[in-house]
Amino acid sequence: MLGCGDGGRPDVYANSLDIQFERVDGGYRLPDGRIVYDDKPVPTGDLVRADATVNDLGSPDGASGDGGAGDSGAADPDARPNDLGGDLDAGMPLEDVFMAPEDHVDADMEDVERCTPGMTRFCAPSPGIPEMVYGRGICRRGNQSCSDAGRWNDCEGQIDPRPGGEECNNLDDNCDGIVDNLFRECGNGPCRVRRLVCVLGREVTCEPNTAARRTELCNGADDDCDGFVDENDMNTSNLQESCFTYPPEYNGRGICRSGTRTCVDAGWTPCDDTIPQPELCNGLDDDCDGVTDNACTDQ
């Protein structure tokens, strides 16, 4: 665009050969609807070339862009040199003269950051990656160089933490400052542990803590570390145990016998033992006192 009365707003958008900006009273309407004003009202409806430069415009007094007398072809027929409002270095794109960095746009009207050709800088951290990880392990900051067009080139050489996380390769793949910090869990029940399984790039087997193994109890836990809960020694059915609900001296006397109980849902079922009963005249020691049919009653 042409015309920049206060010297602080963009007038010409160089490198945008496919765009023309509509003249409005006091400035230019950009394709996205924004208006950039100068301090000189101009006729509405004029179109100003987006690739105009000072050489195209000539000097404010009609001289050619190189400071000499005007000649045919030295100035663009669409140029409005008096809109410049001051002396400019011939050949310098007006964009470079008037535009603040935050005002620069590309041909698609997206904001861009200008730079001086030959400059270099570190790339910004990748999205979601803390800056502090760069320089640890495999992670490295990349570099950007400024192109001849005054735009930052794409980042080159940036290395982020490995997406899959740490591997056993004697490297710090996740860039946390620790090499091969790979841990795994192994074992069951109280024997289960979490151990380091990589040393100097070599895998190490995770061994459970077998010293924590104990007798299986009816408690909903895998006490014997075999991968089964509340099971018998053969791992085929629920845990069972012998039981007798009367004083032990009666067990085995007369009809009295111990029974069994089964672990279900971390609790024991009732014991199915046989305990003393009233003595009957049946040839049995029903009350388990060691004497048959003593003071018995008929059935």
C-alpha atoms as a PDB file:
ATOM      1  CA  MET A   1       0.000   0.000   0.000  1.00  0.00           C
ATOM      2  CA  LEU A   2       1.047   3.567  -0.500  1.00  0.00           C
ATOM      3  CA  GLY A   3       0.913   6.520   1.812  1.00  0.00           C
ATOM      4  CA  CYS A   4       2.143   6.629   5.366  1.00  0.00           C
ATOM      5  CA  GLY A   5       1.573  10.036   6.854  1.00  0.00           C
ATOM      6  CA  ASP A   6       2.833   9.427  10.357  1.00  0.00           C
ATOM      7  CA  GLY A   7       5.699   7.083   9.398  1.00  0.00           C
ATOM      8  CA  GLY A   8       4.524   4.514  11.925  1.00  0.00           C
ATOM      9  CA  ARG A   9       1.923   2.451  10.089  1.00  0.00           C
ATOM     10  CA  PRO A  10       2.376  -0.057   7.273  1.00  0.00           C
ATOM     11  CA  ASP A  11       1.984   1.267   3.773  1.00  0.00           C
ATOM     12  CA  VAL A  12       3.398  -1.371   1.444  1.00  0.00           C
ATOM     13  CA  TYR A  13       3.286  -5.120   2.027  1.00  0.00           C
ATOM     14  CA  ALA A  14       6.238  -6.455   0.067  1.00  0.00           C
ATOM     15  CA  ASN A  15       6.400 -10.074  -1.124  1.00  0.00           C
ATOM     16  CA  SER A  16       2.628 -10.077  -1.573  1.00  0.00           C
ATOM     17  CA  LEU A  17       2.422  -9.809  -5.344  1.00  0.00           C
ATOM     18  CA  ASP A  18      -0.962 -11.447  -5.584  1.00  0.00           C
ATOM     19  CA  ILE A  19      -2.730  -9.017  -3.248  1.00  0.00           C
ATOM     20  CA  GLN A  20      -4.171  -5.563  -3.870  1.00  0.00           C
ATOM     21  CA  PHE A  21      -5.535  -3.407  -1.087  1.00  0.00           C
ATOM     22  CA  GLU A  22      -8.662  -1.314  -1.486  1.00  0.00           C
ATOM     23  CA  ARG A  23      -8.220   2.394  -0.924  1.00  0.00           C
ATOM     24  CA  VAL A  24     -10.585   3.875   1.627  1.00  0.00           C
ATOM     25  CA  ASP A  25     -10.788   7.419   2.858  1.00  0.00           C
ATOM     26  CA  GLY A  26      -7.712   7.873   5.020  1.00  0.00           C
ATOM     27  CA  GLY A  27      -6.091   4.467   4.512  1.00  0.00           C
ATOM     28  CA  TYR A  28      -6.388   0.955   3.101  1.00  0.00           C
ATOM     29  CA  ARG A  29      -8.679  -1.956   3.771  1.00  0.00           C
ATOM     30  CA  LEU A  30      -6.824  -5.273   4.162  1.00  0.00           C
ATOM     31  CA  PRO A  31      -8.334  -8.539   2.919  1.00  0.00           C
ATOM     32  CA  ASP A  32      -9.264  -9.541   6.475  1.00  0.00           C
ATOM     33  CA  GLY A  33     -11.271  -6.339   6.939  1.00  0.00           C
ATOM     34  CA  ARG A  34      -8.747  -4.346   8.989  1.00  0.00           C
ATOM     35  CA  ILE A  35      -8.100  -0.748   7.898  1.00  0.00           C
ATOM     36  CA  VAL A  36      -4.632   0.827   8.005  1.00  0.00           C
ATOM     37  CA  TYR A  37      -4.897   4.629   8.041  1.00  0.00           C
ATOM     38  CA  ASP A  38      -2.601   7.394   6.937  1.00  0.00           C
ATOM     39  CA  ASP A  39      -3.169  11.092   7.500  1.00  0.00           C
ATOM     40  CA  LYS A  40      -4.153  12.012   3.930  1.00  0.00           C
ATOM     41  CA  PRO A  41      -7.691  11.384   2.667  1.00  0.00           C
ATOM     42  CA  VAL A  42      -7.622   9.729  -0.771  1.00  0.00           C
ATOM     43  CA  PRO A  43     -10.340   8.902  -3.291  1.00  0.00           C
ATOM     44  CA  THR A  44     -12.310   5.781  -2.414  1.00  0.00           C
ATOM     45  CA  GLY A  45     -12.066   2.817  -4.768  1.00  0.00           C
ATOM     46  CA  ASP A  46      -8.452   3.187  -5.923  1.00  0.00           C
ATOM     47  CA  LEU A  47      -6.320   0.031  -5.842  1.00  0.00           C
ATOM     48  CA  VAL A  48      -2.712   0.278  -4.836  1.00  0.00           C
ATOM     49  CA  ARG A  49      -0.180  -2.406  -5.733  1.00  0.00           C
ATOM     50  CA  ALA A  50       1.017  -4.436  -2.760  1.00  0.00           C
ATOM     51  CA  ASP A  51       4.521  -4.895  -4.146  1.00  0.00           C
ATOM     52  CA  ALA A  52       5.340  -1.191  -4.587  1.00  0.00           C
ATOM     53  CA  THR A  53       8.652   0.062  -3.243  1.00  0.00           C
ATOM     54  CA  VAL A  54      10.303   3.422  -2.972  1.00  0.00           C
ATOM     55  CA  ASN A  55      11.915   2.891  -6.381  1.00  0.00           C
ATOM     56  CA  ASP A  56       8.472   2.418  -7.835  1.00  0.00           C
ATOM     57  CA  LEU A  57       7.206   5.604  -6.257  1.00  0.00           C
ATOM     58  CA  GLY A  58       9.943   8.151  -6.917  1.00  0.00           C
ATOM     59  CA  SER A  59      10.864  10.880  -4.501  1.00  0.00           C
ATOM     60  CA  PRO A  60       8.306  13.350  -3.085  1.00  0.00           C
ATOM     61  CA  ASP A  61       9.425  16.082  -5.543  1.00  0.00           C
ATOM     62  CA  GLY A  62       9.046  13.849  -8.572  1.00  0.00           C
ATOM     63  CA  ALA A  63      12.679  12.731  -8.743  1.00  0.00           C
ATOM     64  CA  SER A  64      13.565   9.150  -9.537  1.00  0.00           C
ATOM     65  CA  GLY A  65      14.132   6.622  -6.740  1.00  0.00           C
ATOM     66  CA  ASP A  66      17.910   6.985  -6.960  1.00  0.00           C
ATOM     67  CA  GLY A  67      17.791  10.732  -6.210  1.00  0.00           C
ATOM     68  CA  GLY A  68      18.360  11.860  -9.846  1.00  0.00           C
ATOM     69  CA  ALA A  69      15.979  13.543 -12.256  1.00  0.00           C
ATOM     70  CA  GLY A  70      12.801  11.648 -13.065  1.00  0.00           C
ATOM     71  CA  ASP A  71      12.707   9.688 -16.303  1.00  0.00           C
ATOM     72  CA  SER A  72      10.160   7.635 -18.104  1.00  0.00           C
ATOM     73  CA  GLY A  73       9.693   4.325 -16.379  1.00  0.00           C
ATOM     74  CA  ALA A  74      11.378   5.468 -13.163  1.00  0.00           C
ATOM     75  CA  ALA A  75       8.064   5.769 -11.330  1.00  0.00           C
ATOM     76  CA  ASP A  76       5.057   3.480 -11.308  1.00  0.00           C
ATOM     77  CA  PRO A  77       2.041   5.115 -12.959  1.00  0.00           C
ATOM     78  CA  ASP A  78      -0.102   4.065  -9.973  1.00  0.00           C
ATOM     79  CA  ALA A  79       2.356   5.536  -7.453  1.00  0.00           C
ATOM     80  CA  ARG A  80       1.429   8.467  -5.234  1.00  0.00           C
ATOM     81  CA  PRO A  81       4.823   9.816  -4.164  1.00  0.00           C
ATOM     82  CA  ASN A  82       3.372  12.766  -2.265  1.00  0.00           C
ATOM     83  CA  ASP A  83       1.697  10.361   0.086  1.00  0.00           C
ATOM     84  CA  LEU A  84       5.067   9.322   1.450  1.00  0.00           C
ATOM     85  CA  GLY A  85       5.423  12.395   3.594  1.00  0.00           C
ATOM     86  CA  GLY A  86       9.203  12.266   3.942  1.00  0.00           C
ATOM     87  CA  ASP A  87      12.556  11.212   2.535  1.00  0.00           C
ATOM     88  CA  LEU A  88      13.223   7.509   2.168  1.00  0.00           C
ATOM     89  CA  ASP A  89      16.222   5.498   1.032  1.00  0.00           C
ATOM     90  CA  ALA A  90      15.660   4.547  -2.566  1.00  0.00           C
ATOM     91  CA  GLY A  91      15.190   0.857  -3.181  1.00  0.00           C
ATOM     92  CA  MET A  92      14.156  -0.030   0.391  1.00  0.00           C
ATOM     93  CA  PRO A  93      10.743  -1.725   0.599  1.00  0.00           C
ATOM     94  CA  LEU A  94       8.338   0.511   2.470  1.00  0.00           C
ATOM     95  CA  GLU A  95       7.450  -2.442   4.650  1.00  0.00           C
ATOM     96  CA  ASP A  96      10.994  -2.409   6.035  1.00  0.00           C
ATOM     97  CA  VAL A  97      10.793   1.298   6.751  1.00  0.00           C
ATOM     98  CA  PHE A  98       7.370   1.727   8.262  1.00  0.00           C
ATOM     99  CA  MET A  99       6.201  -1.567   9.744  1.00  0.00           C
ATOM    100  CA  ALA A 100       6.743  -2.517  13.354  1.00  0.00           C
ATOM    101  CA  PRO A 101       7.507  -6.238  13.814  1.00  0.00           C
ATOM    102  CA  GLU A 102       4.025  -6.985  15.115  1.00  0.00           C
ATOM    103  CA  ASP A 103       2.465  -5.408  11.993  1.00  0.00           C
ATOM    104  CA  HIS A 104       4.130  -7.623   9.411  1.00  0.00           C
ATOM    105  CA  VAL A 105       1.943  -9.963   7.417  1.00  0.00           C
ATOM    106  CA  ASP A 106       2.538 -12.507   4.693  1.00  0.00           C
ATOM    107  CA  ALA A 107       0.562 -12.832   1.465  1.00  0.00           C
ATOM    108  CA  ASP A 108      -2.082 -14.894   3.321  1.00  0.00           C
ATOM    109  CA  MET A 109      -2.360 -12.023   5.848  1.00  0.00           C
ATOM    110  CA  GLU A 110      -1.018 -14.116   8.735  1.00  0.00           C
ATOM    111  CA  ASP A 111       1.183 -12.297  11.220  1.00  0.00           C
ATOM    112  CA  VAL A 112       4.875 -13.066  10.809  1.00  0.00           C
ATOM    113  CA  GLU A 113       8.031 -12.033  12.589  1.00  0.00           C
ATOM    114  CA  ARG A 114      10.691 -10.269  10.539  1.00  0.00           C
ATOM    115  CA  CYS A 115      14.405 -10.797  10.958  1.00  0.00           C
ATOM    116  CA  THR A 116      17.692  -9.691   9.441  1.00  0.00           C
ATOM    117  CA  PRO A 117      19.124 -12.149   6.887  1.00  0.00           C
ATOM    118  CA  GLY A 118      21.996 -14.117   8.370  1.00  0.00           C
ATOM    119  CA  MET A 119      20.688 -14.026  11.948  1.00  0.00           C
ATOM    120  CA  THR A 120      20.281 -17.289  13.892  1.00  0.00           C
ATOM    121  CA  ARG A 121      18.530 -18.186  17.126  1.00  0.00           C
ATOM    122  CA  PHE A 122      17.445 -21.152  19.230  1.00  0.00           C
ATOM    123  CA  CYS A 123      14.075 -22.657  18.378  1.00  0.00           C
ATOM    124  CA  ALA A 124      11.231 -22.311  20.850  1.00  0.00           C
ATOM    125  CA  PRO A 125      10.523 -25.425  22.968  1.00  0.00           C
ATOM    126  CA  SER A 126       8.157 -27.842  21.279  1.00  0.00           C
ATOM    127  CA  PRO A 127       4.520 -27.685  22.473  1.00  0.00           C
ATOM    128  CA  GLY A 128       4.128 -29.321  25.862  1.00  0.00           C
ATOM    129  CA  ILE A 129       7.889 -29.769  26.382  1.00  0.00           C
ATOM    130  CA  PRO A 130       9.474 -27.836  29.311  1.00  0.00           C
ATOM    131  CA  GLU A 131      12.474 -25.753  28.313  1.00  0.00           C
ATOM    132  CA  MET A 132      14.568 -27.284  31.082  1.00  0.00           C
ATOM    133  CA  VAL A 133      14.727 -30.716  29.382  1.00  0.00           C
ATOM    134  CA  TYR A 134      16.877 -29.419  26.526  1.00  0.00           C
ATOM    135  CA  GLY A 135      20.519 -30.181  27.209  1.00  0.00           C
ATOM    136  CA  ARG A 136      19.656 -33.294  29.216  1.00  0.00           C
ATOM    137  CA  GLY A 137      20.065 -36.776  27.759  1.00  0.00           C
ATOM    138  CA  ILE A 138      19.294 -36.938  24.044  1.00  0.00           C
ATOM    139  CA  CYS A 139      17.355 -33.637  24.024  1.00  0.00           C
ATOM    140  CA  ARG A 140      18.828 -30.686  22.123  1.00  0.00           C
ATOM    141  CA  ARG A 141      17.570 -27.233  21.195  1.00  0.00           C
ATOM    142  CA  GLY A 142      17.324 -26.658  17.460  1.00  0.00           C
ATOM    143  CA  ASN A 143      18.284 -23.542  15.513  1.00  0.00           C
ATOM    144  CA  GLN A 144      16.513 -21.185  13.144  1.00  0.00           C
ATOM    145  CA  SER A 145      18.197 -19.047  10.524  1.00  0.00           C
ATOM    146  CA  CYS A 146      16.848 -15.917   8.875  1.00  0.00           C
ATOM    147  CA  SER A 147      16.182 -16.257   5.148  1.00  0.00           C
ATOM    148  CA  ASP A 148      17.127 -13.696   2.499  1.00  0.00           C
ATOM    149  CA  ALA A 149      13.458 -12.650   2.508  1.00  0.00           C
ATOM    150  CA  GLY A 150      13.716 -11.629   6.168  1.00  0.00           C
ATOM    151  CA  ARG A 151      11.627 -14.518   7.491  1.00  0.00           C
ATOM    152  CA  TRP A 152      12.634 -17.158  10.009  1.00  0.00           C
ATOM    153  CA  ASN A 153      13.235 -20.557   8.422  1.00  0.00           C
ATOM    154  CA  ASP A 154      11.868 -23.753   9.956  1.00  0.00           C
ATOM    155  CA  CYS A 155      13.555 -25.128  13.056  1.00  0.00           C
ATOM    156  CA  GLU A 156      16.357 -27.594  12.374  1.00  0.00           C
ATOM    157  CA  GLY A 157      18.079 -30.078  14.674  1.00  0.00           C
ATOM    158  CA  GLN A 158      15.626 -29.969  17.600  1.00  0.00           C
ATOM    159  CA  ILE A 159      15.491 -33.256  19.544  1.00  0.00           C
ATOM    160  CA  ASP A 160      12.607 -33.778  21.975  1.00  0.00           C
ATOM    161  CA  PRO A 161      12.142 -36.583  24.528  1.00  0.00           C
ATOM    162  CA  ARG A 162      11.492 -39.930  22.863  1.00  0.00           C
ATOM    163  CA  PRO A 163       7.716 -40.320  22.441  1.00  0.00           C
ATOM    164  CA  GLY A 164       7.783 -43.904  23.675  1.00  0.00           C
ATOM    165  CA  GLY A 165       9.682 -42.958  26.824  1.00  0.00           C
ATOM    166  CA  GLU A 166      12.830 -44.497  28.245  1.00  0.00           C
ATOM    167  CA  GLU A 167      14.460 -47.484  26.524  1.00  0.00           C
ATOM    168  CA  CYS A 168      17.203 -49.804  27.762  1.00  0.00           C
ATOM    169  CA  ASN A 169      20.033 -48.432  25.629  1.00  0.00           C
ATOM    170  CA  ASN A 170      22.419 -46.623  28.004  1.00  0.00           C
ATOM    171  CA  LEU A 171      20.809 -43.272  27.044  1.00  0.00           C
ATOM    172  CA  ASP A 172      18.563 -40.805  28.817  1.00  0.00           C
ATOM    173  CA  ASP A 173      15.685 -41.039  26.320  1.00  0.00           C
ATOM    174  CA  ASN A 174      13.108 -39.095  28.344  1.00  0.00           C
ATOM    175  CA  CYS A 175      15.608 -36.357  29.239  1.00  0.00           C
ATOM    176  CA  ASP A 176      14.962 -36.451  32.980  1.00  0.00           C
ATOM    177  CA  GLY A 177      18.669 -36.510  33.769  1.00  0.00           C
ATOM    178  CA  ILE A 178      18.810 -40.246  34.573  1.00  0.00           C
ATOM    179  CA  VAL A 179      20.086 -42.930  32.191  1.00  0.00           C
ATOM    180  CA  ASP A 180      18.065 -46.135  31.749  1.00  0.00           C
ATOM    181  CA  ASN A 181      15.708 -45.485  34.648  1.00  0.00           C
ATOM    182  CA  LEU A 182      13.407 -48.310  33.601  1.00  0.00           C
ATOM    183  CA  PHE A 183      11.372 -49.954  36.360  1.00  0.00           C
ATOM    184  CA  ARG A 184       8.964 -52.876  36.236  1.00  0.00           C
ATOM    185  CA  GLU A 185       6.746 -54.635  38.761  1.00  0.00           C
ATOM    186  CA  CYS A 186       6.827 -58.398  39.264  1.00  0.00           C
ATOM    187  CA  GLY A 187       5.475 -60.959  41.714  1.00  0.00           C
ATOM    188  CA  ASN A 188       2.053 -61.397  43.324  1.00  0.00           C
ATOM    189  CA  GLY A 189       0.502 -60.446  46.621  1.00  0.00           C
ATOM    190  CA  PRO A 190       3.014 -59.399  49.289  1.00  0.00           C
ATOM    191  CA  CYS A 191       5.844 -60.675  47.069  1.00  0.00           C
ATOM    192  CA  ARG A 192       5.149 -57.995  44.432  1.00  0.00           C
ATOM    193  CA  VAL A 193       7.963 -55.446  44.024  1.00  0.00           C
ATOM    194  CA  ARG A 194       9.056 -52.674  41.663  1.00  0.00           C
ATOM    195  CA  ARG A 195      12.670 -52.991  40.575  1.00  0.00           C
ATOM    196  CA  LEU A 196      15.165 -51.353  38.202  1.00  0.00           C
ATOM    197  CA  VAL A 197      15.414 -53.624  35.165  1.00  0.00           C
ATOM    198  CA  CYS A 198      18.108 -51.925  33.070  1.00  0.00           C
ATOM    199  CA  VAL A 199      21.761 -51.345  33.952  1.00  0.00           C
ATOM    200  CA  LEU A 200      24.238 -49.833  31.500  1.00  0.00           C
ATOM    201  CA  GLY A 201      22.009 -50.653  28.565  1.00  0.00           C
ATOM    202  CA  ARG A 202      21.429 -54.267  29.574  1.00  0.00           C
ATOM    203  CA  GLU A 203      18.126 -55.657  30.792  1.00  0.00           C
ATOM    204  CA  VAL A 204      17.959 -57.178  34.266  1.00  0.00           C
ATOM    205  CA  THR A 205      15.275 -59.680  35.298  1.00  0.00           C
ATOM    206  CA  CYS A 206      12.792 -58.473  37.887  1.00  0.00           C
ATOM    207  CA  GLU A 207      12.787 -60.920  40.797  1.00  0.00           C
ATOM    208  CA  PRO A 208       9.839 -60.937  43.250  1.00  0.00           C
ATOM    209  CA  ASN A 209      10.379 -60.738  46.995  1.00  0.00           C
ATOM    210  CA  THR A 210       9.787 -64.392  47.865  1.00  0.00           C
ATOM    211  CA  ALA A 211      10.709 -63.770  51.503  1.00  0.00           C
ATOM    212  CA  ALA A 212       7.314 -62.117  51.960  1.00  0.00           C
ATOM    213  CA  ARG A 213       5.405 -65.333  51.124  1.00  0.00           C
ATOM    214  CA  ARG A 214       3.132 -66.681  53.890  1.00  0.00           C
ATOM    215  CA  THR A 215       0.416 -69.296  54.448  1.00  0.00           C
ATOM    216  CA  GLU A 216      -2.794 -68.632  52.585  1.00  0.00           C
ATOM    217  CA  LEU A 217      -5.474 -67.078  54.774  1.00  0.00           C
ATOM    218  CA  CYS A 218      -9.168 -66.459  54.232  1.00  0.00           C
ATOM    219  CA  ASN A 219      -8.810 -62.727  53.746  1.00  0.00           C
ATOM    220  CA  GLY A 220      -9.294 -61.890  50.059  1.00  0.00           C
ATOM    221  CA  ALA A 221      -5.523 -61.650  49.492  1.00  0.00           C
ATOM    222  CA  ASP A 222      -2.905 -63.741  47.701  1.00  0.00           C
ATOM    223  CA  ASP A 223      -0.869 -64.535  50.802  1.00  0.00           C
ATOM    224  CA  ASP A 224       1.255 -67.293  49.254  1.00  0.00           C
ATOM    225  CA  CYS A 225       2.127 -65.210  46.152  1.00  0.00           C
ATOM    226  CA  ASP A 226       0.920 -67.844  43.662  1.00  0.00           C
ATOM    227  CA  GLY A 227      -1.459 -65.591  41.761  1.00  0.00           C
ATOM    228  CA  PHE A 228      -4.614 -67.028  43.372  1.00  0.00           C
ATOM    229  CA  VAL A 229      -6.727 -65.631  46.212  1.00  0.00           C
ATOM    230  CA  ASP A 230      -8.096 -67.738  49.084  1.00  0.00           C
ATOM    231  CA  GLU A 231      -7.368 -71.049  47.292  1.00  0.00           C
ATOM    232  CA  ASN A 232      -6.266 -74.480  48.460  1.00  0.00           C
ATOM    233  CA  ASP A 233      -2.811 -75.858  47.844  1.00  0.00           C
ATOM    234  CA  MET A 234      -3.760 -77.267  44.439  1.00  0.00           C
ATOM    235  CA  ASN A 235      -5.115 -73.923  43.236  1.00  0.00           C
ATOM    236  CA  THR A 236      -8.284 -75.667  42.038  1.00  0.00           C
ATOM    237  CA  SER A 237     -10.895 -74.780  44.631  1.00  0.00           C
ATOM    238  CA  ASN A 238     -11.595 -72.460  47.501  1.00  0.00           C
ATOM    239  CA  LEU A 239      -9.512 -72.690  50.634  1.00  0.00           C
ATOM    240  CA  GLN A 240     -10.851 -75.242  53.179  1.00  0.00           C
ATOM    241  CA  GLU A 241      -9.797 -76.227  56.658  1.00  0.00           C
ATOM    242  CA  SER A 242     -10.744 -78.677  59.396  1.00  0.00           C
ATOM    243  CA  CYS A 243     -12.886 -77.368  62.201  1.00  0.00           C
ATOM    244  CA  PHE A 244     -14.517 -78.520  65.499  1.00  0.00           C
ATOM    245  CA  THR A 245     -16.764 -76.217  67.440  1.00  0.00           C
ATOM    246  CA  TYR A 246     -16.785 -78.128  70.747  1.00  0.00           C
ATOM    247  CA  PRO A 247     -13.966 -78.640  73.272  1.00  0.00           C
ATOM    248  CA  PRO A 248     -11.288 -80.666  71.549  1.00  0.00           C
ATOM    249  CA  GLU A 249     -11.425 -83.561  74.049  1.00  0.00           C
ATOM    250  CA  TYR A 250     -14.848 -84.517  72.666  1.00  0.00           C
ATOM    251  CA  ASN A 251     -13.557 -84.806  69.119  1.00  0.00           C
ATOM    252  CA  GLY A 252     -13.430 -88.468  68.088  1.00  0.00           C
ATOM    253  CA  ARG A 253     -15.396 -89.711  71.105  1.00  0.00           C
ATOM    254  CA  GLY A 254     -18.756 -91.303  70.413  1.00  0.00           C
ATOM    255  CA  ILE A 255     -20.409 -89.732  67.413  1.00  0.00           C
ATOM    256  CA  CYS A 256     -18.399 -86.496  67.677  1.00  0.00           C
ATOM    257  CA  ARG A 257     -16.246 -85.713  64.659  1.00  0.00           C
ATOM    258  CA  SER A 258     -14.538 -82.632  63.288  1.00  0.00           C
ATOM    259  CA  GLY A 259     -15.767 -81.159  60.013  1.00  0.00           C
ATOM    260  CA  THR A 260     -14.605 -78.653  57.389  1.00  0.00           C
ATOM    261  CA  ARG A 261     -15.357 -75.096  56.470  1.00  0.00           C
ATOM    262  CA  THR A 262     -14.807 -73.265  53.148  1.00  0.00           C
ATOM    263  CA  CYS A 263     -13.564 -69.749  52.420  1.00  0.00           C
ATOM    264  CA  VAL A 264     -16.089 -67.791  50.347  1.00  0.00           C
ATOM    265  CA  ASP A 265     -15.805 -64.049  49.667  1.00  0.00           C
ATOM    266  CA  ALA A 266     -13.025 -63.687  52.252  1.00  0.00           C
ATOM    267  CA  GLY A 267     -15.147 -65.332  54.987  1.00  0.00           C
ATOM    268  CA  TRP A 268     -15.654 -68.835  56.343  1.00  0.00           C
ATOM    269  CA  THR A 269     -18.816 -70.875  55.857  1.00  0.00           C
ATOM    270  CA  PRO A 270     -20.326 -72.617  58.953  1.00  0.00           C
ATOM    271  CA  CYS A 271     -18.418 -75.685  60.134  1.00  0.00           C
ATOM    272  CA  ASP A 272     -20.097 -79.021  59.267  1.00  0.00           C
ATOM    273  CA  ASP A 273     -18.733 -80.896  62.326  1.00  0.00           C
ATOM    274  CA  THR A 274     -20.683 -83.300  64.578  1.00  0.00           C
ATOM    275  CA  ILE A 275     -20.912 -82.303  68.226  1.00  0.00           C
ATOM    276  CA  PRO A 276     -22.552 -84.015  71.289  1.00  0.00           C
ATOM    277  CA  GLN A 277     -26.298 -84.711  71.123  1.00  0.00           C
ATOM    278  CA  PRO A 278     -28.831 -85.956  73.727  1.00  0.00           C
ATOM    279  CA  GLU A 279     -28.191 -89.648  74.521  1.00  0.00           C
ATOM    280  CA  LEU A 280     -30.600 -91.991  72.785  1.00  0.00           C
ATOM    281  CA  CYS A 281     -31.101 -95.710  73.275  1.00  0.00           C
ATOM    282  CA  ASN A 282     -29.617 -96.555  69.931  1.00  0.00           C
ATOM    283  CA  GLY A 283     -26.401 -98.290  70.684  1.00  0.00           C
ATOM    284  CA  LEU A 284     -24.377 -95.087  70.127  1.00  0.00           C
ATOM    285  CA  ASP A 285     -22.565 -92.673  72.385  1.00  0.00           C
ATOM    286  CA  ASP A 286     -24.586 -89.657  71.324  1.00  0.00           C
ATOM    287  CA  ASP A 287     -23.399 -87.323  74.063  1.00  0.00           C
ATOM    288  CA  CYS A 288     -19.755 -88.236  73.460  1.00  0.00           C
ATOM    289  CA  ASP A 289     -19.040 -88.969  77.115  1.00  0.00           C
ATOM    290  CA  GLY A 290     -17.401 -92.295  76.322  1.00  0.00           C
ATOM    291  CA  VAL A 291     -20.406 -94.456  77.501  1.00  0.00           C
ATOM    292  CA  THR A 292     -23.040 -95.907  75.211  1.00  0.00           C
ATOM    293  CA  ASP A 293     -26.746 -95.567  76.037  1.00  0.00           C
ATOM    294  CA  ASN A 294     -26.169 -94.311  79.558  1.00  0.00           C
ATOM    295  CA  ALA A 295     -29.350 -92.672  80.855  1.00  0.00           C
ATOM    296  CA  CYS A 296     -30.709 -92.907  77.381  1.00  0.00           C
ATOM    297  CA  THR A 297     -34.200 -92.194  76.216  1.00  0.00           C
ATOM    298  CA  ASP A 298     -36.135 -94.018  73.560  1.00  0.00           C
ATOM    299  CA  GLN A 299     -36.238 -92.382  70.208  1.00  0.00           C
END
